[in-house]
C-alpha cells in the first residue's frame, strides 16, 4: 500500500469513493468539479495495481487551523488499517505546514479518538461554520461530531 499526493488523474476515483458514502448519508456529496478544484489538498492510498483505494484531504482554514475532510476507504478495503495510515499521513502533512489545530466533523468518533482527537462544540469553529456549514443542507440539523487534535501536544 502506497500513500501519495493526489493528481488530476485521481479526481474521478476520489469522487467515486466519496460519493459512494454520500449515497449512504455518511458523507456530503462532492462534484467532480469540486474535486478538481481541491485536488492539491488530497492524498490517496493506492493498492498493488495502482488503483486508488482511499483518500483524505487537509483543508487549511487559517494560519493555525485546518480540517480533515473526505476521508474515505473503498468498502472492500475497510478494516485493513488504510484509513489510519491515511489519517496519520494527513496529520504529518498538517504538522509540516505549521498547523497547530486540526479538526474534523465526523460520524466515526471512535476512529478519530484512537489518534488523539477529542470532542468539541462545533460553535468553537466559527471559521468552519461561516465558511461552509452555512451552505450545507444539514446546517440546522447537523448530526456530525466535531473533534479537534492539538498538534502542539
Protein backbone atom coordinates (compact mmCIF):
# COMPACT_ATOMS: atom_id res chain seq x y z
CA UNK A 1 0.00 0.00 0.00
CA UNK A 2 1.39 3.37 -1.01
CA UNK A 3 0.24 6.83 0.18
CA UNK A 4 0.95 9.69 -2.21
CA UNK A 5 -0.16 13.16 -3.18
CA UNK A 6 -3.23 13.07 -5.43
CA UNK A 7 -3.04 14.19 -9.02
CA UNK A 8 -5.57 15.24 -11.63
CA UNK A 9 -5.84 11.66 -12.89
CA UNK A 10 -7.10 10.61 -9.42
CA UNK A 11 -10.05 13.03 -9.31
CA UNK A 12 -12.61 10.62 -10.73
CA UNK A 13 -11.63 7.83 -8.31
CA UNK A 14 -11.70 10.25 -5.36
CA UNK A 15 -15.13 11.50 -6.39
CA UNK A 16 -16.46 7.93 -6.70
CA UNK A 17 -15.15 6.95 -3.25
CA UNK A 18 -16.67 10.00 -1.55
CA UNK A 19 -20.00 9.76 -3.32
CA UNK A 20 -20.32 6.05 -2.50
CA UNK A 21 -20.54 7.10 1.15
CA UNK A 22 -22.61 10.20 0.35
CA UNK A 23 -25.30 7.92 -1.11
CA UNK A 24 -25.46 6.21 2.30
CA UNK A 25 -25.72 9.55 4.13
CA UNK A 26 -22.27 9.11 5.69
CA UNK A 27 -20.56 11.97 3.84
CA UNK A 28 -21.59 15.02 1.89
CA UNK A 29 -21.76 14.73 -1.90
CA UNK A 30 -18.84 16.21 -3.84
CA UNK A 31 -18.96 17.15 -7.51
CA UNK A 32 -16.11 16.16 -9.81
CA UNK A 33 -15.52 19.87 -10.38
CA UNK A 34 -15.03 20.44 -6.64
CA UNK A 35 -12.51 17.59 -6.52
CA UNK A 36 -10.55 19.14 -9.38
CA UNK A 37 -10.62 22.47 -7.54
CA UNK A 38 -9.27 20.88 -4.35
CA UNK A 39 -7.10 18.07 -5.75
CA UNK A 40 -3.93 19.55 -4.21
CA UNK A 41 -5.45 19.06 -0.74
CA UNK A 42 -5.83 15.29 -1.25
CA UNK A 43 -3.62 12.33 -0.54
CA UNK A 44 -4.56 8.89 -1.80
CA UNK A 45 -3.69 5.30 -0.97
CA UNK A 46 -3.16 3.02 -3.91
CA UNK A 47 -3.15 -0.75 -3.99
CA UNK A 48 -0.71 -3.06 -5.74
CA UNK A 49 -2.48 -2.48 -9.04
CA UNK A 50 -2.05 1.33 -8.60
CA UNK A 51 -5.82 1.77 -8.18
CA UNK A 52 -6.91 4.43 -5.68
CA UNK A 53 -8.48 2.66 -2.70
CA UNK A 54 -8.73 5.56 -0.23
CA UNK A 55 -8.47 9.33 0.04
CA UNK A 56 -8.19 12.15 2.57
CA UNK A 57 -7.85 15.93 2.33
CA UNK A 58 -6.33 18.59 4.57
CA UNK A 59 -8.13 21.91 4.09
CA UNK A 60 -6.29 24.90 5.62
CA UNK A 61 -8.64 27.41 7.23
CA UNK A 62 -6.26 29.82 8.91
CA UNK A 63 -2.63 30.14 9.96
CA UNK A 64 -3.08 27.59 12.73
CA UNK A 65 -6.25 25.69 11.79
CA UNK A 66 -7.04 23.00 9.21
CA UNK A 67 -9.76 20.42 8.66
CA UNK A 68 -9.52 16.73 7.83
CA UNK A 69 -12.03 16.19 5.02
CA UNK A 70 -13.28 13.44 2.77
CA UNK A 71 -11.57 10.50 4.47
CA UNK A 72 -12.93 7.54 2.53
CA UNK A 73 -11.77 3.95 2.10
CA UNK A 74 -13.10 1.56 -0.55
CA UNK A 75 -15.69 -0.69 1.12
CA UNK A 76 -13.77 -3.86 0.28
CA UNK A 77 -10.65 -2.43 1.95
CA UNK A 78 -12.22 -1.26 5.24
CA UNK A 79 -10.68 -2.66 8.41
CA UNK A 80 -7.22 -3.11 6.90
CA UNK A 81 -5.66 -0.03 8.54
CA UNK A 82 -5.73 2.08 5.38
CA UNK A 83 -7.84 4.84 6.93
CA UNK A 84 -5.47 5.07 9.89
CA UNK A 85 -2.45 5.17 7.56
CA UNK A 86 -4.00 7.99 5.53
CA UNK A 87 -5.05 9.95 8.62
CA UNK A 88 -1.52 9.65 10.04
CA UNK A 89 -0.15 10.94 6.71
CA UNK A 90 -2.62 13.85 6.79
CA UNK A 91 -1.61 14.72 10.37
CA UNK A 92 2.07 14.66 9.35
CA UNK A 93 1.24 16.90 6.39
CA UNK A 94 -0.57 19.38 8.65
CA UNK A 95 2.43 19.45 11.01
CA UNK A 96 4.78 20.18 8.08
CA UNK A 97 2.56 23.12 7.15
CA UNK A 98 2.82 24.50 10.69
CA UNK A 99 -0.81 23.82 11.59
CA UNK A 100 -1.45 23.83 15.36
CA UNK A 101 -5.06 22.59 15.43
CA UNK A 102 -6.68 20.00 13.20
CA UNK A 103 -10.43 19.41 13.29
CA UNK A 104 -12.91 17.03 11.74
CA UNK A 105 -16.69 16.72 11.54
CA UNK A 106 -17.46 13.01 11.59
CA UNK A 107 -19.80 10.13 12.29
CA UNK A 108 -16.78 7.95 13.17
CA UNK A 109 -15.92 9.37 16.59
CA UNK A 110 -14.17 6.24 17.93
CA UNK A 111 -11.86 6.07 14.91
CA UNK A 112 -10.61 9.62 15.40
CA UNK A 113 -10.34 9.26 19.19
CA UNK A 114 -7.79 6.47 18.65
CA UNK A 115 -5.48 9.05 17.08
CA UNK A 116 -5.94 11.68 19.77
CA UNK A 117 -8.90 13.72 18.52
CA UNK A 118 -11.26 14.95 21.26
CA UNK A 119 -14.89 16.08 21.02
CA UNK A 120 -15.52 19.83 20.92
CA UNK A 121 -18.52 22.10 20.46
CA UNK A 122 -18.89 22.91 16.75
CA UNK A 123 -19.55 26.53 17.69
CA UNK A 124 -15.88 26.83 18.71
CA UNK A 125 -15.10 26.61 14.98
CA UNK A 126 -16.53 29.87 13.63
CA UNK A 127 -14.29 29.66 10.57
CA UNK A 128 -15.95 26.39 9.53
CA UNK A 129 -19.47 27.40 10.48
CA UNK A 130 -19.40 30.62 8.48
CA UNK A 131 -17.33 29.44 5.52
CA UNK A 132 -19.01 26.13 4.75
CA UNK A 133 -21.64 24.97 7.21
CA UNK A 134 -23.86 27.91 6.35
CA UNK A 135 -24.33 26.45 2.84
CA UNK A 136 -24.73 22.83 3.95
CA UNK A 137 -28.16 21.19 3.57
CA UNK A 138 -27.81 19.95 7.17
CA UNK A 139 -26.95 23.36 8.66
CA UNK A 140 -29.93 23.40 11.02
CA UNK A 141 -29.74 19.72 11.91
CA UNK A 142 -26.07 18.78 11.78
CA UNK A 143 -25.59 15.32 13.22
CA UNK A 144 -21.82 15.07 12.87
CA UNK A 145 -19.47 15.19 15.86
CA UNK A 146 -16.89 17.98 15.89
CA UNK A 147 -13.47 16.81 17.05
CA UNK A 148 -10.11 18.52 17.48
CA UNK A 149 -6.49 17.38 17.61
CA UNK A 150 -3.97 19.81 19.12
CA UNK A 151 -0.74 19.30 17.21
CA UNK A 152 1.28 21.14 19.86
CA UNK A 153 0.74 18.28 22.31
